[in-house]
């Protein structure tokens, strides 16, 4: 009555009971939190640049206008780089 399990049953039961140890599992949540922080910082830089550029136009101050344009473009470039980085991670 006690016959040895055939290969198919044994193979499937082994895969059902095996677990991955917690130490080897990487947590994508930490990456996401870091990415969110960077995204917020880059969007803030873009907004700061847009405000600074508008103030420069209003005050007719070309230097402030240039600084604002520079901040805005740097924020946009950083956002684009983050999107490219995220696309290549997958």
N, C-alpha and C. Protein backbone atom coordinates (compact mmCIF):
# COMPACT_ATOMS: atom_id res chain seq x y z
N UNK A 1 0.80 -1.18 0.00
CA UNK A 1 0.00 0.00 0.00
C UNK A 1 0.86 1.26 0.00
N UNK A 2 1.95 1.29 0.71
CA UNK A 2 2.86 2.42 0.70
C UNK A 2 3.78 2.31 -0.52
N UNK A 3 3.36 2.93 -1.59
CA UNK A 3 4.20 2.92 -2.78
C UNK A 3 4.96 4.24 -2.85
N UNK A 4 6.14 4.22 -3.45
CA UNK A 4 6.90 5.47 -3.55
C UNK A 4 6.17 6.44 -4.48
N UNK A 5 6.20 7.73 -4.19
CA UNK A 5 5.52 8.70 -5.04
C UNK A 5 6.18 8.75 -6.42
N UNK A 6 5.36 8.87 -7.43
CA UNK A 6 5.96 8.96 -8.77
C UNK A 6 6.59 10.33 -8.96
N UNK A 7 7.37 10.50 -10.02
CA UNK A 7 8.16 11.72 -10.22
C UNK A 7 7.30 12.97 -10.34
N UNK A 8 6.20 12.91 -11.05
CA UNK A 8 5.38 14.10 -11.29
C UNK A 8 4.80 14.63 -9.98
N UNK A 9 4.29 13.76 -9.15
CA UNK A 9 3.70 14.19 -7.89
C UNK A 9 4.76 14.76 -6.97
N UNK A 10 5.91 14.10 -6.91
CA UNK A 10 6.98 14.56 -6.04
C UNK A 10 7.53 15.91 -6.49
N UNK A 11 7.69 16.08 -7.79
CA UNK A 11 8.25 17.32 -8.31
C UNK A 11 7.32 18.49 -8.00
N UNK A 12 6.02 18.35 -8.19
CA UNK A 12 5.10 19.44 -7.94
C UNK A 12 4.94 19.74 -6.46
N UNK A 13 4.97 18.73 -5.63
CA UNK A 13 4.84 18.98 -4.20
C UNK A 13 6.06 19.71 -3.66
N UNK A 14 7.22 19.46 -4.25
CA UNK A 14 8.44 20.15 -3.81
C UNK A 14 8.38 21.63 -4.15
N UNK A 15 7.82 21.97 -5.30
CA UNK A 15 7.76 23.38 -5.67
C UNK A 15 6.72 24.12 -4.85
N UNK A 16 5.68 23.43 -4.42
CA UNK A 16 4.66 24.10 -3.62
C UNK A 16 5.16 24.43 -2.22
N UNK A 17 5.99 23.56 -1.66
CA UNK A 17 6.41 23.76 -0.28
C UNK A 17 7.68 24.58 -0.15
N UNK A 18 8.42 24.79 -1.24
CA UNK A 18 9.66 25.55 -1.13
C UNK A 18 9.33 27.04 -0.99
N UNK A 19 10.11 27.71 -0.19
CA UNK A 19 9.93 29.14 0.01
C UNK A 19 11.25 29.85 -0.21
N UNK A 20 11.17 31.11 -0.54
CA UNK A 20 12.37 31.92 -0.72
C UNK A 20 12.70 32.55 0.63
N UNK A 21 13.93 32.43 1.07
CA UNK A 21 14.28 33.06 2.35
C UNK A 21 14.12 34.57 2.27
N UNK A 22 13.73 35.17 3.36
CA UNK A 22 13.48 36.61 3.40
C UNK A 22 14.73 37.44 3.14
N UNK A 23 15.89 36.93 3.48
CA UNK A 23 17.13 37.69 3.34
C UNK A 23 17.49 37.90 1.88
N UNK A 24 17.08 37.00 0.98
CA UNK A 24 17.46 37.13 -0.42
C UNK A 24 16.47 37.96 -1.23
N UNK A 25 15.35 38.28 -0.67
CA UNK A 25 14.35 39.05 -1.40
C UNK A 25 14.71 40.52 -1.31
N UNK A 26 14.83 41.17 -2.47
CA UNK A 26 15.11 42.60 -2.47
C UNK A 26 13.79 43.34 -2.33
N UNK A 27 13.83 44.41 -1.63
CA UNK A 27 12.60 45.17 -1.43
C UNK A 27 12.58 46.34 -2.40
N UNK A 28 11.68 46.30 -3.37
CA UNK A 28 11.59 47.41 -4.32
C UNK A 28 11.03 48.67 -3.69
N UNK A 29 10.46 48.54 -2.49
CA UNK A 29 9.86 49.68 -1.83
C UNK A 29 10.91 50.74 -1.49
N UNK A 30 12.12 50.33 -1.11
CA UNK A 30 13.15 51.31 -0.78
C UNK A 30 13.56 52.07 -2.02
N UNK A 31 13.64 51.40 -3.16
CA UNK A 31 13.98 52.10 -4.40
C UNK A 31 12.89 53.09 -4.76
N UNK A 32 11.66 52.69 -4.61
CA UNK A 32 10.55 53.55 -4.97
C UNK A 32 10.54 54.80 -4.09
N UNK A 33 10.82 54.65 -2.82
CA UNK A 33 10.84 55.78 -1.91
C UNK A 33 11.94 56.76 -2.31
N UNK A 34 13.10 56.23 -2.66
CA UNK A 34 14.20 57.09 -3.08
C UNK A 34 13.86 57.79 -4.39
N UNK A 35 13.25 57.04 -5.33
CA UNK A 35 12.87 57.63 -6.60
C UNK A 35 11.83 58.72 -6.42
N UNK A 36 10.90 58.49 -5.50
CA UNK A 36 9.87 59.49 -5.25
C UNK A 36 10.48 60.76 -4.68
N UNK A 37 11.44 60.62 -3.79
CA UNK A 37 12.11 61.78 -3.22
C UNK A 37 12.83 62.59 -4.28
N UNK A 38 13.50 61.88 -5.17
CA UNK A 38 14.20 62.57 -6.27
C UNK A 38 13.21 63.25 -7.20
N UNK A 39 12.10 62.56 -7.50
CA UNK A 39 11.10 63.12 -8.40
C UNK A 39 10.51 64.40 -7.82
N UNK A 40 10.22 64.37 -6.54
CA UNK A 40 9.66 65.57 -5.87
C UNK A 40 10.67 66.71 -5.91
N UNK A 41 11.94 66.37 -5.63
CA UNK A 41 12.99 67.40 -5.65
C UNK A 41 13.14 68.00 -7.04
N UNK A 42 13.09 67.16 -8.08
CA UNK A 42 13.24 67.65 -9.45
C UNK A 42 12.04 68.50 -9.87
N UNK A 43 10.85 68.08 -9.49
CA UNK A 43 9.66 68.88 -9.81
C UNK A 43 9.69 70.22 -9.07
N UNK A 44 10.19 70.20 -7.83
CA UNK A 44 10.30 71.45 -7.07
C UNK A 44 11.30 72.39 -7.74
N UNK A 45 12.39 71.84 -8.26
CA UNK A 45 13.37 72.67 -8.94
C UNK A 45 12.77 73.27 -10.21
N UNK A 46 11.98 72.48 -10.93
CA UNK A 46 11.31 72.98 -12.13
C UNK A 46 10.34 74.10 -11.78
N UNK A 47 9.56 73.91 -10.73
CA UNK A 47 8.60 74.94 -10.31
C UNK A 47 9.32 76.20 -9.85
N UNK A 48 10.42 76.01 -9.11
CA UNK A 48 11.20 77.16 -8.64
C UNK A 48 11.75 77.94 -9.83
N UNK A 49 12.21 77.22 -10.82
CA UNK A 49 12.74 77.88 -12.02
C UNK A 49 11.68 78.65 -12.77
N UNK A 50 10.48 78.05 -12.87
CA UNK A 50 9.39 78.73 -13.56
C UNK A 50 9.00 80.02 -12.84
N UNK A 51 8.94 79.96 -11.51
CA UNK A 51 8.60 81.14 -10.72
C UNK A 51 9.68 82.21 -10.85
N UNK A 52 10.93 81.77 -10.77
CA UNK A 52 12.05 82.71 -10.84
C UNK A 52 12.10 83.38 -12.22
N UNK A 53 11.83 82.59 -13.26
CA UNK A 53 11.82 83.15 -14.61
C UNK A 53 10.71 84.18 -14.77
N UNK A 54 9.54 83.88 -14.23
CA UNK A 54 8.41 84.81 -14.31
C UNK A 54 8.71 86.10 -13.53
N UNK A 55 9.32 85.95 -12.35
CA UNK A 55 9.69 87.14 -11.59
C UNK A 55 10.73 87.97 -12.33
N UNK A 56 11.64 87.31 -12.99
CA UNK A 56 12.64 88.04 -13.77
C UNK A 56 12.01 88.80 -14.92
N UNK A 57 11.02 88.20 -15.56
CA UNK A 57 10.32 88.90 -16.64
C UNK A 57 9.56 90.11 -16.11
N UNK A 58 8.88 89.90 -14.97
CA UNK A 58 8.08 90.97 -14.38
C UNK A 58 8.96 92.13 -13.95
N UNK A 59 10.09 91.82 -13.33
CA UNK A 59 10.99 92.87 -12.83
C UNK A 59 11.94 93.36 -13.91
N UNK A 60 11.86 92.77 -15.09
CA UNK A 60 12.76 93.10 -16.21
C UNK A 60 14.22 92.93 -15.80
N UNK A 61 14.46 91.84 -15.08
CA UNK A 61 15.81 91.51 -14.64
C UNK A 61 16.25 90.27 -15.42
N UNK A 62 17.13 90.49 -16.38
CA UNK A 62 17.53 89.39 -17.26
C UNK A 62 18.31 88.31 -16.54
N UNK A 63 19.10 88.67 -15.56
CA UNK A 63 19.89 87.67 -14.84
C UNK A 63 18.98 86.70 -14.08
N UNK A 64 17.99 87.25 -13.39
CA UNK A 64 17.04 86.40 -12.67
C UNK A 64 16.26 85.53 -13.65
N UNK A 65 15.91 86.09 -14.78
CA UNK A 65 15.19 85.35 -15.80
C UNK A 65 16.03 84.18 -16.32
N UNK A 66 17.31 84.44 -16.56
CA UNK A 66 18.22 83.37 -17.03
C UNK A 66 18.39 82.29 -15.97
N UNK A 67 18.54 82.70 -14.72
CA UNK A 67 18.69 81.73 -13.63
C UNK A 67 17.44 80.84 -13.52
N UNK A 68 16.28 81.46 -13.68
CA UNK A 68 15.03 80.71 -13.64
C UNK A 68 14.93 79.73 -14.78
N UNK A 69 15.30 80.16 -15.97
CA UNK A 69 15.27 79.28 -17.13
C UNK A 69 16.24 78.11 -16.94
N UNK A 70 17.39 78.41 -16.36
CA UNK A 70 18.38 77.37 -16.09
C UNK A 70 17.86 76.35 -15.07
N UNK A 71 17.27 76.85 -13.98
CA UNK A 71 16.71 75.94 -12.97
C UNK A 71 15.60 75.07 -13.56
N UNK A 72 14.75 75.69 -14.36
CA UNK A 72 13.64 74.95 -14.96
C UNK A 72 14.15 73.86 -15.88
N UNK A 73 15.11 74.18 -16.72
CA UNK A 73 15.62 73.18 -17.67
C UNK A 73 16.40 72.07 -16.95
N UNK A 74 17.12 72.42 -15.88
CA UNK A 74 17.83 71.38 -15.12
C UNK A 74 16.85 70.43 -14.44
N UNK A 75 15.78 70.95 -13.91
CA UNK A 75 14.76 70.09 -13.31
C UNK A 75 14.13 69.16 -14.34
N UNK A 76 13.85 69.70 -15.52
CA UNK A 76 13.27 68.88 -16.58
C UNK A 76 14.26 67.81 -17.05
N UNK A 77 15.53 68.16 -17.17
CA UNK A 77 16.54 67.18 -17.58
C UNK A 77 16.69 66.07 -16.55
N UNK A 78 16.66 66.43 -15.29
CA UNK A 78 16.78 65.42 -14.23
C UNK A 78 15.57 64.49 -14.24
N UNK A 79 14.39 65.03 -14.51
CA UNK A 79 13.19 64.19 -14.59
C UNK A 79 13.30 63.23 -15.77
N UNK A 80 13.79 63.71 -16.91
CA UNK A 80 13.94 62.85 -18.08
C UNK A 80 14.97 61.76 -17.83
N UNK A 81 16.05 62.11 -17.15
CA UNK A 81 17.08 61.11 -16.83
C UNK A 81 16.52 60.05 -15.88
N UNK A 82 15.70 60.45 -14.94
CA UNK A 82 15.09 59.49 -14.01
C UNK A 82 14.14 58.55 -14.75
N UNK A 83 13.39 59.08 -15.71
CA UNK A 83 12.50 58.24 -16.50
C UNK A 83 13.29 57.23 -17.32
N UNK A 84 14.39 57.67 -17.92
CA UNK A 84 15.23 56.76 -18.70
C UNK A 84 15.85 55.70 -17.81
N UNK A 85 16.31 56.10 -16.63
CA UNK A 85 16.89 55.14 -15.69
C UNK A 85 15.86 54.09 -15.28
N UNK A 86 14.65 54.55 -15.04
CA UNK A 86 13.58 53.64 -14.63
C UNK A 86 13.22 52.67 -15.77
N UNK A 87 13.25 53.16 -17.01
CA UNK A 87 12.92 52.30 -18.13
C UNK A 87 13.97 51.21 -18.33
N UNK A 88 15.24 51.51 -18.07
CA UNK A 88 16.30 50.52 -18.26
C UNK A 88 16.45 49.58 -17.09
N UNK A 89 15.86 49.91 -15.94
CA UNK A 89 15.92 49.01 -14.79
C UNK A 89 15.08 47.78 -15.02
N UNK A 90 14.02 47.92 -15.78
CA UNK A 90 13.10 46.81 -15.99
C UNK A 90 13.59 45.85 -16.97
